Amino acid sequence: MIIGFNYNMKKYIFVLLLLQQLSYGQAVDSLNLAKDSIVVREIALEGVKVIQFKPLKFNSNKEKAHYYWLRKKVYHAYPYAKLAADKLATLNQELVHIKKKRKRKKHTKKVQKYLEEEFTPQLKKLTKTEGQILVKLIYRQTGITTHQLVKSLRSGWRAFWYQRTAKLFSIDLKAKYKPETVKDDYLVEDILQRFFAKGILDEQEQKIAFDYEKLRKKWEKSE
């Protein structure tokens, strides 16, 4: 989806994301996948909460292959969503101090131009599936859809056309992250939690509320 946006999509929706050169110190293929079950995570939240991850179990080789395929996609997409949330927060803080509408518009336009020139090439490196995951993770990290982000920073008309074009590549800019009801979204969350616990990805607090432990129990029960 995103990567293939070579097709005249250089100014695609994600121009609003302030992305930077990402250097993933460790290639995903080199990750030790065999130790996924030996992870204990401690979180300082009203005391100490310990999450003991259970060994990964799959009903078939196809299911197993899908999980690890998805794992690679999440590894590549999440840092972009994290950066988007960081930069969006920074932009909002800057706009708070700009009172005049004209100056706010000028500042936003400057940011847009910067994004288009500096970071669009990075987004083009993502695959179609990574782009689909990115849209959902942006919602996870910001609490609003990518479509809403574009509409607020650009215009409703431009957001409409971005959405229409994105659908041609199976991308829904209005997509939300729903690990409670969508199995693949839950798998993405499970992958993220394991990555965070092992220090493979840096955790950033999400903007939508859900309990990973409750999610895990729900999906285990449904299988």
N, C-alpha and C. Protein backbone atom coordinates (compact mmCIF):
# COMPACT_ATOMS: atom_id res chain seq x y z
N MET A 1 0.79 -1.18 0.00
CA MET A 1 0.00 0.00 0.00
C MET A 1 0.83 1.24 0.00
N ILE A 2 1.51 1.55 1.05
CA ILE A 2 2.21 2.80 1.07
C ILE A 2 3.41 2.81 0.16
N ILE A 3 4.14 1.75 0.24
CA ILE A 3 5.35 1.68 -0.54
C ILE A 3 5.06 1.81 -2.00
N GLY A 4 4.10 1.12 -2.42
CA GLY A 4 3.81 1.17 -3.82
C GLY A 4 3.25 2.49 -4.23
N PHE A 5 3.21 3.47 -3.35
CA PHE A 5 2.62 4.73 -3.68
C PHE A 5 3.54 5.57 -4.52
N ASN A 6 4.31 4.87 -5.27
CA ASN A 6 5.17 5.45 -6.26
C ASN A 6 4.27 6.09 -7.31
N TYR A 7 3.10 5.50 -7.51
CA TYR A 7 2.16 5.91 -8.53
C TYR A 7 1.56 7.26 -8.19
N ASN A 8 2.31 8.30 -8.44
CA ASN A 8 1.84 9.67 -8.27
C ASN A 8 1.28 9.92 -6.87
N MET A 9 1.77 9.17 -5.90
CA MET A 9 1.25 9.35 -4.55
C MET A 9 2.28 9.96 -3.62
N LYS A 10 3.25 10.66 -4.17
CA LYS A 10 4.31 11.22 -3.34
C LYS A 10 3.76 12.18 -2.29
N LYS A 11 2.62 12.77 -2.61
CA LYS A 11 2.03 13.71 -1.67
C LYS A 11 0.87 13.07 -0.94
N TYR A 12 0.97 11.81 -0.79
CA TYR A 12 -0.07 11.04 -0.14
C TYR A 12 -0.25 11.50 1.29
N ILE A 13 -1.31 11.07 1.91
CA ILE A 13 -1.68 11.47 3.26
C ILE A 13 -0.55 11.58 4.25
N PHE A 14 0.38 10.67 4.16
CA PHE A 14 1.39 10.63 5.21
C PHE A 14 2.40 11.76 5.13
N VAL A 15 2.14 12.72 4.24
CA VAL A 15 3.01 13.89 4.23
C VAL A 15 2.87 14.62 5.54
N LEU A 16 1.84 14.33 6.29
CA LEU A 16 1.64 15.02 7.55
C LEU A 16 2.52 14.45 8.64
N LEU A 17 3.13 13.33 8.40
CA LEU A 17 3.95 12.72 9.45
C LEU A 17 5.38 13.22 9.40
N LEU A 18 5.86 13.65 10.52
CA LEU A 18 7.24 14.08 10.60
C LEU A 18 8.10 12.87 10.88
N LEU A 19 8.53 12.24 9.81
CA LEU A 19 9.32 11.03 9.97
C LEU A 19 10.80 11.34 9.77
N GLN A 20 11.61 10.59 10.41
CA GLN A 20 13.03 10.77 10.27
C GLN A 20 13.68 9.48 9.83
N GLN A 21 14.93 9.56 9.46
CA GLN A 21 15.64 8.35 9.03
C GLN A 21 15.65 7.38 10.20
N LEU A 22 15.15 6.16 9.92
CA LEU A 22 15.10 5.16 10.98
C LEU A 22 16.21 4.15 10.75
N SER A 23 17.00 3.95 11.76
CA SER A 23 18.00 2.90 11.61
C SER A 23 17.68 1.85 12.65
N TYR A 24 17.19 0.71 12.21
CA TYR A 24 16.86 -0.37 13.12
C TYR A 24 18.14 -1.14 13.38
N GLY A 25 18.69 -0.96 14.55
CA GLY A 25 19.97 -1.57 14.86
C GLY A 25 20.05 -3.05 14.59
N GLN A 26 18.92 -3.73 14.67
CA GLN A 26 18.97 -5.18 14.52
C GLN A 26 17.95 -5.59 13.48
N ALA A 27 18.36 -6.33 12.49
CA ALA A 27 17.44 -6.77 11.43
C ALA A 27 16.44 -7.74 12.02
N VAL A 28 15.20 -7.65 11.55
CA VAL A 28 14.16 -8.51 12.09
C VAL A 28 14.47 -9.98 11.92
N ASP A 29 15.10 -10.34 10.83
CA ASP A 29 15.40 -11.74 10.59
C ASP A 29 16.39 -12.31 11.60
N SER A 30 17.14 -11.42 12.24
CA SER A 30 18.16 -11.89 13.18
C SER A 30 17.62 -11.99 14.60
N LEU A 31 16.35 -11.62 14.80
CA LEU A 31 15.77 -11.69 16.13
C LEU A 31 15.66 -13.14 16.57
N ASN A 32 15.87 -13.35 17.84
CA ASN A 32 15.76 -14.71 18.35
C ASN A 32 14.30 -15.04 18.60
N LEU A 33 13.65 -15.66 17.63
CA LEU A 33 12.24 -15.94 17.73
C LEU A 33 11.94 -17.10 18.68
N ALA A 34 12.93 -17.90 18.97
CA ALA A 34 12.70 -19.10 19.78
C ALA A 34 12.42 -18.79 21.24
N LYS A 35 12.75 -17.59 21.70
CA LYS A 35 12.61 -17.27 23.11
C LYS A 35 11.39 -16.40 23.42
N ASP A 36 10.43 -16.36 22.52
CA ASP A 36 9.25 -15.55 22.73
C ASP A 36 8.49 -15.92 23.99
N SER A 37 8.57 -17.16 24.40
CA SER A 37 7.79 -17.60 25.56
C SER A 37 8.46 -17.26 26.88
N ILE A 38 9.74 -16.88 26.83
CA ILE A 38 10.47 -16.62 28.07
C ILE A 38 10.61 -15.12 28.27
N VAL A 39 9.47 -14.47 28.42
CA VAL A 39 9.50 -13.03 28.58
C VAL A 39 8.64 -12.63 29.76
N VAL A 40 9.22 -11.89 30.68
CA VAL A 40 8.47 -11.37 31.81
C VAL A 40 8.63 -9.86 31.78
N ARG A 41 7.53 -9.17 31.84
CA ARG A 41 7.57 -7.73 31.73
C ARG A 41 7.07 -7.10 33.01
N GLU A 42 7.82 -6.12 33.52
CA GLU A 42 7.41 -5.44 34.74
C GLU A 42 7.05 -4.00 34.39
N ILE A 43 5.90 -3.56 34.88
CA ILE A 43 5.45 -2.20 34.60
C ILE A 43 5.15 -1.50 35.92
N ALA A 44 5.75 -0.33 36.11
CA ALA A 44 5.49 0.44 37.32
C ALA A 44 4.19 1.20 37.14
N LEU A 45 3.11 0.65 37.63
CA LEU A 45 1.81 1.29 37.51
C LEU A 45 1.01 0.93 38.76
N GLU A 46 0.98 1.86 39.70
CA GLU A 46 0.35 1.62 40.98
C GLU A 46 0.93 0.33 41.59
N GLY A 47 2.22 0.32 41.64
CA GLY A 47 2.90 -0.87 42.12
C GLY A 47 3.62 -1.50 40.94
N VAL A 48 3.77 -2.80 40.97
CA VAL A 48 4.44 -3.49 39.88
C VAL A 48 3.52 -4.55 39.29
N LYS A 49 3.30 -4.45 38.01
CA LYS A 49 2.47 -5.42 37.31
C LYS A 49 3.39 -6.30 36.48
N VAL A 50 3.23 -7.59 36.63
CA VAL A 50 4.08 -8.52 35.89
C VAL A 50 3.25 -9.26 34.85
N ILE A 51 3.74 -9.23 33.62
CA ILE A 51 3.08 -9.96 32.54
C ILE A 51 3.95 -11.13 32.13
N GLN A 52 3.42 -12.31 32.28
CA GLN A 52 4.15 -13.51 31.87
C GLN A 52 3.58 -13.95 30.53
N PHE A 53 4.36 -13.83 29.49
CA PHE A 53 3.89 -14.23 28.17
C PHE A 53 3.93 -15.75 28.05
N LYS A 54 2.86 -16.29 27.55
CA LYS A 54 2.80 -17.74 27.35
C LYS A 54 3.53 -18.12 26.07
N PRO A 55 3.95 -19.38 25.99
CA PRO A 55 4.62 -19.84 24.76
C PRO A 55 3.67 -19.68 23.58
N LEU A 56 4.22 -19.33 22.46
CA LEU A 56 3.40 -19.19 21.26
C LEU A 56 2.98 -20.57 20.77
N LYS A 57 1.69 -20.72 20.52
CA LYS A 57 1.18 -21.99 20.02
C LYS A 57 0.36 -21.73 18.76
N PHE A 58 0.54 -22.57 17.79
CA PHE A 58 -0.16 -22.39 16.52
C PHE A 58 -0.87 -23.69 16.13
N ASN A 59 -2.04 -23.55 15.52
CA ASN A 59 -2.83 -24.70 15.11
C ASN A 59 -2.36 -25.32 13.80
N SER A 60 -1.51 -24.56 13.07
CA SER A 60 -1.02 -25.07 11.79
C SER A 60 0.23 -24.30 11.39
N ASN A 61 0.96 -24.84 10.44
CA ASN A 61 2.15 -24.16 9.95
C ASN A 61 1.76 -22.86 9.24
N LYS A 62 0.59 -22.85 8.62
CA LYS A 62 0.11 -21.66 7.95
C LYS A 62 -0.13 -20.53 8.95
N GLU A 63 -0.72 -20.88 10.07
CA GLU A 63 -0.98 -19.91 11.13
C GLU A 63 0.33 -19.37 11.70
N LYS A 64 1.29 -20.25 11.88
CA LYS A 64 2.59 -19.86 12.40
C LYS A 64 3.31 -18.93 11.42
N ALA A 65 3.28 -19.28 10.15
CA ALA A 65 3.93 -18.46 9.13
C ALA A 65 3.29 -17.07 9.07
N HIS A 66 1.98 -17.02 9.23
CA HIS A 66 1.27 -15.74 9.20
C HIS A 66 1.70 -14.85 10.35
N TYR A 67 1.85 -15.44 11.53
CA TYR A 67 2.24 -14.67 12.71
C TYR A 67 3.63 -14.05 12.54
N TYR A 68 4.57 -14.83 12.06
CA TYR A 68 5.93 -14.31 11.92
C TYR A 68 6.06 -13.37 10.72
N TRP A 69 5.22 -13.58 9.73
CA TRP A 69 5.17 -12.63 8.60
C TRP A 69 4.64 -11.30 9.10
N LEU A 70 3.59 -11.37 9.92
CA LEU A 70 2.99 -10.17 10.49
C LEU A 70 3.98 -9.47 11.43
N ARG A 71 4.76 -10.26 12.11
CA ARG A 71 5.76 -9.73 13.05
C ARG A 71 6.75 -8.81 12.34
N LYS A 72 7.19 -9.22 11.17
CA LYS A 72 8.14 -8.39 10.41
C LYS A 72 7.49 -7.09 9.97
N LYS A 73 6.23 -7.17 9.58
CA LYS A 73 5.52 -5.98 9.12
C LYS A 73 5.34 -4.98 10.26
N VAL A 74 5.02 -5.47 11.43
CA VAL A 74 4.84 -4.61 12.60
C VAL A 74 6.17 -3.96 12.98
N TYR A 75 7.23 -4.72 12.90
CA TYR A 75 8.56 -4.22 13.24
C TYR A 75 8.92 -3.01 12.39
N HIS A 76 8.56 -3.05 11.12
CA HIS A 76 8.89 -1.95 10.22
C HIS A 76 7.92 -0.77 10.33
N ALA A 77 6.65 -1.07 10.61
CA ALA A 77 5.63 -0.01 10.62
C ALA A 77 5.55 0.78 11.92
N TYR A 78 5.73 0.13 13.05
CA TYR A 78 5.52 0.79 14.34
C TYR A 78 6.36 2.05 14.56
N PRO A 79 7.66 2.03 14.26
CA PRO A 79 8.45 3.24 14.50
C PRO A 79 7.90 4.47 13.79
N TYR A 80 7.29 4.28 12.61
CA TYR A 80 6.70 5.40 11.89
C TYR A 80 5.49 5.96 12.64
N ALA A 81 4.68 5.07 13.18
CA ALA A 81 3.50 5.51 13.93
C ALA A 81 3.94 6.23 15.20
N LYS A 82 4.98 5.73 15.83
CA LYS A 82 5.51 6.36 17.05
C LYS A 82 6.03 7.76 16.74
N LEU A 83 6.76 7.88 15.64
CA LEU A 83 7.28 9.19 15.26
C LEU A 83 6.15 10.14 14.90
N ALA A 84 5.13 9.62 14.26
CA ALA A 84 3.98 10.44 13.89
C ALA A 84 3.34 11.03 15.13
N ALA A 85 3.16 10.21 16.15
CA ALA A 85 2.56 10.67 17.40
C ALA A 85 3.45 11.71 18.08
N ASP A 86 4.75 11.45 18.11
CA ASP A 86 5.70 12.39 18.72
C ASP A 86 5.65 13.74 18.03
N LYS A 87 5.72 13.71 16.71
CA LYS A 87 5.78 14.95 15.95
C LYS A 87 4.45 15.69 15.94
N LEU A 88 3.36 14.94 15.95
CA LEU A 88 2.05 15.57 16.00
C LEU A 88 1.89 16.31 17.32
N ALA A 89 2.35 15.69 18.40
CA ALA A 89 2.28 16.32 19.72
C ALA A 89 3.12 17.60 19.73
N THR A 90 4.30 17.53 19.11
CA THR A 90 5.18 18.70 19.03
C THR A 90 4.52 19.82 18.24
N LEU A 91 3.91 19.46 17.11
CA LEU A 91 3.26 20.45 16.26
C LEU A 91 2.11 21.12 17.02
N ASN A 92 1.33 20.33 17.73
CA ASN A 92 0.20 20.88 18.49
C ASN A 92 0.68 21.83 19.58
N GLN A 93 1.80 21.49 20.20
CA GLN A 93 2.35 22.36 21.24
C GLN A 93 2.82 23.68 20.65
N GLU A 94 3.40 23.61 19.46
CA GLU A 94 3.87 24.82 18.79
C GLU A 94 2.69 25.71 18.38
N LEU A 95 1.63 25.10 17.90
CA LEU A 95 0.47 25.86 17.45
C LEU A 95 -0.25 26.56 18.60
N VAL A 96 -0.12 26.00 19.79
CA VAL A 96 -0.75 26.61 20.97
C VAL A 96 -0.22 28.02 21.19
N HIS A 97 1.05 28.21 20.86
CA HIS A 97 1.69 29.51 21.08
C HIS A 97 1.56 30.45 19.88
N ILE A 98 0.92 29.98 18.83
CA ILE A 98 0.71 30.83 17.65
C ILE A 98 -0.76 31.21 17.60
N LYS A 99 -1.06 32.43 17.97
CA LYS A 99 -2.44 32.86 18.10
C LYS A 99 -3.09 33.30 16.80
N LYS A 100 -2.34 33.95 15.95
CA LYS A 100 -2.93 34.47 14.72
C LYS A 100 -3.15 33.35 13.70
N LYS A 101 -4.36 33.35 13.14
CA LYS A 101 -4.75 32.32 12.20
C LYS A 101 -3.81 32.27 11.00
N ARG A 102 -3.40 33.42 10.52
CA ARG A 102 -2.52 33.50 9.36
C ARG A 102 -1.17 32.84 9.65
N LYS A 103 -0.63 33.10 10.84
CA LYS A 103 0.66 32.53 11.20
C LYS A 103 0.55 31.03 11.46
N ARG A 104 -0.58 30.60 12.01
CA ARG A 104 -0.80 29.17 12.24
C ARG A 104 -0.82 28.43 10.91
N LYS A 105 -1.51 29.02 9.95
CA LYS A 105 -1.62 28.42 8.62
C LYS A 105 -0.25 28.36 7.95
N LYS A 106 0.52 29.44 8.12
CA LYS A 106 1.84 29.51 7.51
C LYS A 106 2.77 28.46 8.13
N HIS A 107 2.67 28.31 9.44
CA HIS A 107 3.52 27.33 10.14
C HIS A 107 3.16 25.91 9.70
N THR A 108 1.87 25.60 9.63
CA THR A 108 1.43 24.28 9.20
C THR A 108 1.88 23.98 7.79
N LYS A 109 1.80 24.98 6.92
CA LYS A 109 2.20 24.81 5.53
C LYS A 109 3.70 24.52 5.44
N LYS A 110 4.45 25.18 6.29
CA LYS A 110 5.90 24.98 6.32
C LYS A 110 6.21 23.54 6.72
N VAL A 111 5.47 23.03 7.69
CA VAL A 111 5.65 21.66 8.15
C VAL A 111 5.31 20.68 7.03
N GLN A 112 4.21 20.95 6.33
CA GLN A 112 3.80 20.09 5.22
C GLN A 112 4.88 19.99 4.15
N LYS A 113 5.45 21.13 3.79
CA LYS A 113 6.48 21.16 2.76
C LYS A 113 7.71 20.36 3.20
N TYR A 114 8.06 20.54 4.45
CA TYR A 114 9.20 19.82 5.01
C TYR A 114 8.99 18.32 4.93
N LEU A 115 7.77 17.90 5.28
CA LEU A 115 7.44 16.49 5.25
C LEU A 115 7.53 15.91 3.85
N GLU A 116 6.95 16.63 2.92
CA GLU A 116 6.93 16.16 1.54
C GLU A 116 8.34 15.99 0.97
N GLU A 117 9.21 16.94 1.29
CA GLU A 117 10.56 16.92 0.73
C GLU A 117 11.50 15.96 1.44
N GLU A 118 11.31 15.82 2.75
CA GLU A 118 12.27 15.04 3.53
C GLU A 118 11.85 13.60 3.84
N PHE A 119 10.56 13.37 4.04
CA PHE A 119 10.18 12.09 4.60
C PHE A 119 9.33 11.18 3.73
N THR A 120 8.77 11.71 2.67
CA THR A 120 7.99 10.86 1.78
C THR A 120 8.82 9.68 1.25
N PRO A 121 10.09 9.89 0.89
CA PRO A 121 10.91 8.76 0.40
C PRO A 121 11.01 7.62 1.41
N GLN A 122 10.98 7.95 2.71
CA GLN A 122 11.05 6.92 3.73
C GLN A 122 9.79 6.07 3.73
N LEU A 123 8.64 6.71 3.57
CA LEU A 123 7.38 6.00 3.56
C LEU A 123 7.27 5.06 2.36
N LYS A 124 7.90 5.45 1.27
CA LYS A 124 7.83 4.64 0.05
C LYS A 124 8.56 3.31 0.22
N LYS A 125 9.33 3.18 1.27
CA LYS A 125 10.05 1.94 1.50
C LYS A 125 9.14 0.88 2.13
N LEU A 126 7.99 1.31 2.62
CA LEU A 126 7.07 0.37 3.25
C LEU A 126 6.32 -0.43 2.19
N THR A 127 5.95 -1.65 2.54
CA THR A 127 5.16 -2.48 1.64
C THR A 127 3.69 -2.14 1.82
N LYS A 128 2.86 -2.71 0.97
CA LYS A 128 1.42 -2.47 1.04
C LYS A 128 0.86 -2.87 2.41
N THR A 129 1.23 -4.05 2.87
CA THR A 129 0.74 -4.52 4.16
C THR A 129 1.26 -3.65 5.30
N GLU A 130 2.50 -3.25 5.23
CA GLU A 130 3.07 -2.38 6.27
C GLU A 130 2.32 -1.06 6.31
N GLY A 131 1.91 -0.58 5.16
CA GLY A 131 1.15 0.66 5.11
C GLY A 131 -0.22 0.49 5.76
N GLN A 132 -0.84 -0.65 5.52
CA GLN A 132 -2.15 -0.93 6.13
C GLN A 132 -2.02 -0.99 7.65
N ILE A 133 -0.96 -1.61 8.11
CA ILE A 133 -0.73 -1.70 9.55
C ILE A 133 -0.41 -0.33 10.12
N LEU A 134 0.36 0.45 9.36
CA LEU A 134 0.73 1.79 9.81
C LEU A 134 -0.50 2.65 10.07
N VAL A 135 -1.47 2.60 9.17
CA VAL A 135 -2.69 3.39 9.33
C VAL A 135 -3.37 3.06 10.67
N LYS A 136 -3.41 1.77 11.00
CA LYS A 136 -4.04 1.36 12.25
C LYS A 136 -3.20 1.74 13.47
N LEU A 137 -1.89 1.63 13.32
CA LEU A 137 -1.03 1.97 14.46
C LEU A 137 -1.01 3.48 14.71
N ILE A 138 -1.21 4.26 13.67
CA ILE A 138 -1.31 5.71 13.86
C ILE A 138 -2.52 6.01 14.74
N TYR A 139 -3.59 5.27 14.50
CA TYR A 139 -4.78 5.44 15.34
C TYR A 139 -4.47 5.00 16.77
N ARG A 140 -3.72 3.90 16.91
CA ARG A 140 -3.35 3.41 18.24
C ARG A 140 -2.55 4.45 19.01
N GLN A 141 -1.65 5.12 18.33
CA GLN A 141 -0.74 6.05 19.00
C GLN A 141 -1.28 7.48 19.13
N THR A 142 -2.23 7.87 18.30
CA THR A 142 -2.73 9.25 18.35
C THR A 142 -4.18 9.36 18.79
N GLY A 143 -4.94 8.26 18.64
CA GLY A 143 -6.34 8.31 19.03
C GLY A 143 -7.26 8.87 17.96
N ILE A 144 -6.69 9.21 16.81
CA ILE A 144 -7.51 9.70 15.70
C ILE A 144 -7.05 9.01 14.42
N THR A 145 -7.95 8.92 13.44
CA THR A 145 -7.61 8.23 12.21
C THR A 145 -6.69 9.08 11.34
N THR A 146 -6.02 8.41 10.43
CA THR A 146 -5.14 9.13 9.50
C THR A 146 -5.95 10.11 8.67
N HIS A 147 -7.17 9.72 8.32
CA HIS A 147 -8.05 10.60 7.55
C HIS A 147 -8.32 11.88 8.32
N GLN A 148 -8.56 11.76 9.62
CA GLN A 148 -8.82 12.93 10.46
C GLN A 148 -7.58 13.82 10.56
N LEU A 149 -6.41 13.18 10.60
CA LEU A 149 -5.17 13.94 10.66
C LEU A 149 -5.00 14.79 9.41
N VAL A 150 -5.26 14.16 8.27
CA VAL A 150 -5.11 14.90 7.02
C VAL A 150 -6.12 16.01 6.93
N LYS A 151 -7.33 15.71 7.32
CA LYS A 151 -8.40 16.71 7.23
C LYS A 151 -8.10 17.92 8.10
N SER A 152 -7.50 17.69 9.26
CA SER A 152 -7.21 18.79 10.17
C SER A 152 -6.00 19.61 9.72
N LEU A 153 -5.03 18.93 9.08
CA LEU A 153 -3.82 19.64 8.66
C LEU A 153 -3.88 20.13 7.22
N ARG A 154 -4.73 19.53 6.43
CA ARG A 154 -4.84 19.94 5.04
C ARG A 154 -6.22 20.54 4.80
N SER A 155 -7.13 19.74 4.28
CA SER A 155 -8.50 20.22 4.08
C SER A 155 -9.42 19.02 3.89
N GLY A 156 -10.72 19.23 4.12
CA GLY A 156 -11.66 18.13 3.96
C GLY A 156 -11.68 17.60 2.54
N TRP A 157 -11.57 18.48 1.55
CA TRP A 157 -11.60 18.06 0.16
C TRP A 157 -10.39 17.20 -0.17
N ARG A 158 -9.21 17.62 0.28
CA ARG A 158 -8.00 16.85 0.02
C ARG A 158 -8.06 15.49 0.73
N ALA A 159 -8.59 15.49 1.94
CA ALA A 159 -8.72 14.23 2.67
C ALA A 159 -9.64 13.28 1.93
N PHE A 160 -10.70 13.81 1.32
CA PHE A 160 -11.64 12.98 0.56
C PHE A 160 -10.92 12.29 -0.59
N TRP A 161 -10.11 13.03 -1.31
CA TRP A 161 -9.43 12.46 -2.47
C TRP A 161 -8.33 11.50 -2.05
N TYR A 162 -7.66 11.77 -0.95
CA TYR A 162 -6.66 10.85 -0.44
C TYR A 162 -7.34 9.52 -0.10
N GLN A 163 -8.50 9.61 0.56
CA GLN A 163 -9.22 8.40 0.94
C GLN A 163 -9.65 7.62 -0.29
N ARG A 164 -10.15 8.31 -1.28
CA ARG A 164 -10.63 7.66 -2.49
C ARG A 164 -9.48 6.95 -3.21
N THR A 165 -8.34 7.61 -3.31
CA THR A 165 -7.18 7.03 -3.99
C THR A 165 -6.59 5.88 -3.19
N ALA A 166 -6.53 6.05 -1.87
CA ALA A 166 -5.97 5.01 -1.00
C ALA A 166 -6.74 3.71 -1.13
N LYS A 167 -8.04 3.79 -1.30
CA LYS A 167 -8.85 2.58 -1.39
C LYS A 167 -8.51 1.76 -2.63
N LEU A 168 -7.98 2.43 -3.63
CA LEU A 168 -7.57 1.70 -4.82
C LEU A 168 -6.43 0.74 -4.50
N PHE A 169 -5.71 1.04 -3.42
CA PHE A 169 -4.58 0.20 -3.00
C PHE A 169 -4.91 -0.54 -1.71
N SER A 170 -6.23 -0.72 -1.46
CA SER A 170 -6.70 -1.45 -0.27
C SER A 170 -6.31 -0.77 1.03
N ILE A 171 -6.24 0.53 1.03
CA ILE A 171 -5.94 1.27 2.24
C ILE A 171 -7.15 2.09 2.64
N ASP A 172 -7.54 1.95 3.87
CA ASP A 172 -8.65 2.75 4.38
C ASP A 172 -8.10 3.72 5.42
N LEU A 173 -8.02 4.99 5.05
CA LEU A 173 -7.45 5.99 5.95
C LEU A 173 -8.31 6.21 7.19
N LYS A 174 -9.55 5.70 7.13
CA LYS A 174 -10.44 5.85 8.28
C LYS A 174 -10.38 4.63 9.19
N ALA A 175 -9.50 3.70 8.86
CA ALA A 175 -9.40 2.46 9.64
C ALA A 175 -8.97 2.72 11.07
N LYS A 176 -9.58 2.00 12.00
CA LYS A 176 -9.24 2.11 13.41
C LYS A 176 -8.61 0.79 13.89
N TYR A 177 -7.89 0.90 14.96
CA TYR A 177 -7.22 -0.26 15.55
C TYR A 177 -8.20 -0.92 16.52
N LYS A 178 -8.58 -2.18 16.26
CA LYS A 178 -9.59 -2.84 17.08
C LYS A 178 -9.15 -4.24 17.52
N PRO A 179 -8.18 -4.30 18.44
CA PRO A 179 -7.69 -5.61 18.90
C PRO A 179 -8.75 -6.42 19.65
N GLU A 180 -9.84 -5.76 20.07
CA GLU A 180 -10.90 -6.47 20.79
C GLU A 180 -11.74 -7.32 19.84
N THR A 181 -11.86 -6.88 18.60
CA THR A 181 -12.76 -7.58 17.67
C THR A 181 -12.11 -8.09 16.38
N VAL A 182 -10.93 -7.60 16.05
CA VAL A 182 -10.25 -8.02 14.83
C VAL A 182 -9.03 -8.86 15.19
N LYS A 183 -9.02 -10.11 14.75
CA LYS A 183 -7.96 -11.05 15.16
C LYS A 183 -6.56 -10.55 14.79
N ASP A 184 -6.38 -10.07 13.58
CA ASP A 184 -5.05 -9.61 13.19
C ASP A 184 -4.61 -8.40 14.01
N ASP A 185 -5.54 -7.55 14.40
CA ASP A 185 -5.19 -6.42 15.25
C ASP A 185 -4.71 -6.92 16.61
N TYR A 186 -5.35 -7.96 17.11
CA TYR A 186 -4.90 -8.54 18.37
C TYR A 186 -3.50 -9.13 18.22
N LEU A 187 -3.27 -9.81 17.11
CA LEU A 187 -1.94 -10.39 16.88
C LEU A 187 -0.88 -9.30 16.82
N VAL A 188 -1.23 -8.17 16.21
CA VAL A 188 -0.31 -7.03 16.15
C VAL A 188 0.00 -6.55 17.56
N GLU A 189 -1.03 -6.50 18.41
CA GLU A 189 -0.83 -6.06 19.79
C GLU A 189 0.05 -7.04 20.55
N ASP A 190 -0.19 -8.32 20.36
CA ASP A 190 0.62 -9.34 21.02
C ASP A 190 2.09 -9.21 20.59
N ILE A 191 2.28 -8.99 19.32
CA ILE A 191 3.64 -8.81 18.78
C ILE A 191 4.30 -7.58 19.40
N LEU A 192 3.55 -6.49 19.47
CA LEU A 192 4.08 -5.24 20.03
C LEU A 192 4.47 -5.44 21.49
N GLN A 193 3.59 -6.07 22.27
CA GLN A 193 3.87 -6.26 23.69
C GLN A 193 5.13 -7.10 23.91
N ARG A 194 5.33 -8.10 23.08
CA ARG A 194 6.53 -8.93 23.19
C ARG A 194 7.77 -8.15 22.77
N PHE A 195 7.63 -7.33 21.75
CA PHE A 195 8.75 -6.48 21.32
C PHE A 195 9.13 -5.49 22.43
N PHE A 196 8.11 -4.88 23.04
CA PHE A 196 8.38 -3.92 24.12
C PHE A 196 9.08 -4.59 25.28
N ALA A 197 8.59 -5.77 25.64
CA ALA A 197 9.14 -6.49 26.78
C ALA A 197 10.60 -6.86 26.58
N LYS A 198 10.95 -7.16 25.33
CA LYS A 198 12.33 -7.57 25.03
C LYS A 198 13.22 -6.40 24.64
N GLY A 199 12.65 -5.19 24.61
CA GLY A 199 13.44 -4.01 24.27
C GLY A 199 13.77 -3.90 22.80
N ILE A 200 13.04 -4.62 21.97
CA ILE A 200 13.29 -4.58 20.53
C ILE A 200 12.72 -3.30 19.92
N LEU A 201 11.58 -2.85 20.46
CA LEU A 201 11.00 -1.58 20.07
C LEU A 201 10.77 -0.74 21.31
N ASP A 202 10.89 0.57 21.18
CA ASP A 202 10.66 1.47 22.31
C ASP A 202 9.17 1.73 22.46
N GLU A 203 8.66 1.47 23.65
CA GLU A 203 7.23 1.64 23.87
C GLU A 203 6.85 3.10 24.02
N GLN A 204 5.72 3.44 23.45
CA GLN A 204 5.14 4.76 23.59
C GLN A 204 3.69 4.53 24.01
N GLU A 205 3.24 5.26 25.00
CA GLU A 205 1.88 5.07 25.49
C GLU A 205 0.86 5.28 24.38
N GLN A 206 -0.05 4.32 24.23
CA GLN A 206 -1.07 4.45 23.20
C GLN A 206 -2.18 5.38 23.68
N LYS A 207 -2.94 5.91 22.72
CA LYS A 207 -4.00 6.85 23.06
C LYS A 207 -5.38 6.21 23.13
N ILE A 208 -5.47 4.93 22.83
CA ILE A 208 -6.76 4.25 22.96
C ILE A 208 -6.63 3.23 24.09
N ALA A 209 -7.73 3.06 24.82
CA ALA A 209 -7.67 2.21 26.00
C ALA A 209 -8.07 0.76 25.73
N PHE A 210 -7.25 -0.14 26.22
CA PHE A 210 -7.56 -1.57 26.20
C PHE A 210 -6.59 -2.26 27.14
N ASP A 211 -6.97 -3.44 27.59
CA ASP A 211 -6.16 -4.22 28.52
C ASP A 211 -5.62 -5.44 27.80
N TYR A 212 -4.32 -5.51 27.64
CA TYR A 212 -3.71 -6.61 26.90
C TYR A 212 -4.03 -7.97 27.51
N GLU A 213 -4.00 -8.05 28.84
CA GLU A 213 -4.28 -9.32 29.51
C GLU A 213 -5.69 -9.80 29.22
N LYS A 214 -6.64 -8.88 29.23
CA LYS A 214 -8.03 -9.24 28.95
C LYS A 214 -8.17 -9.66 27.48
N LEU A 215 -7.46 -8.97 26.62
CA LEU A 215 -7.50 -9.32 25.21
C LEU A 215 -6.97 -10.73 24.98
N ARG A 216 -5.86 -11.03 25.62
CA ARG A 216 -5.24 -12.34 25.46
C ARG A 216 -6.18 -13.45 25.91
N LYS A 217 -6.79 -13.26 27.08
CA LYS A 217 -7.70 -14.27 27.61
C LYS A 217 -8.91 -14.45 26.70
N LYS A 218 -9.41 -13.34 26.17
CA LYS A 218 -10.58 -13.41 25.29
C LYS A 218 -10.28 -14.21 24.03
N TRP A 219 -9.14 -13.90 23.40
CA TRP A 219 -8.82 -14.58 22.14
C TRP A 219 -8.41 -16.03 22.36
N GLU A 220 -7.77 -16.33 23.50
CA GLU A 220 -7.42 -17.71 23.81
C GLU A 220 -8.69 -18.54 24.03
N LYS A 221 -9.68 -17.92 24.64
CA LYS A 221 -10.93 -18.61 24.91
C LYS A 221 -11.71 -18.89 23.64
N SER A 222 -11.57 -17.99 22.67
CA SER A 222 -12.33 -18.13 21.42
C SER A 222 -11.73 -19.17 20.48
N GLU A 223 -10.50 -19.59 20.76
CA GLU A 223 -9.82 -20.54 19.86
C GLU A 223 -10.15 -21.99 20.22
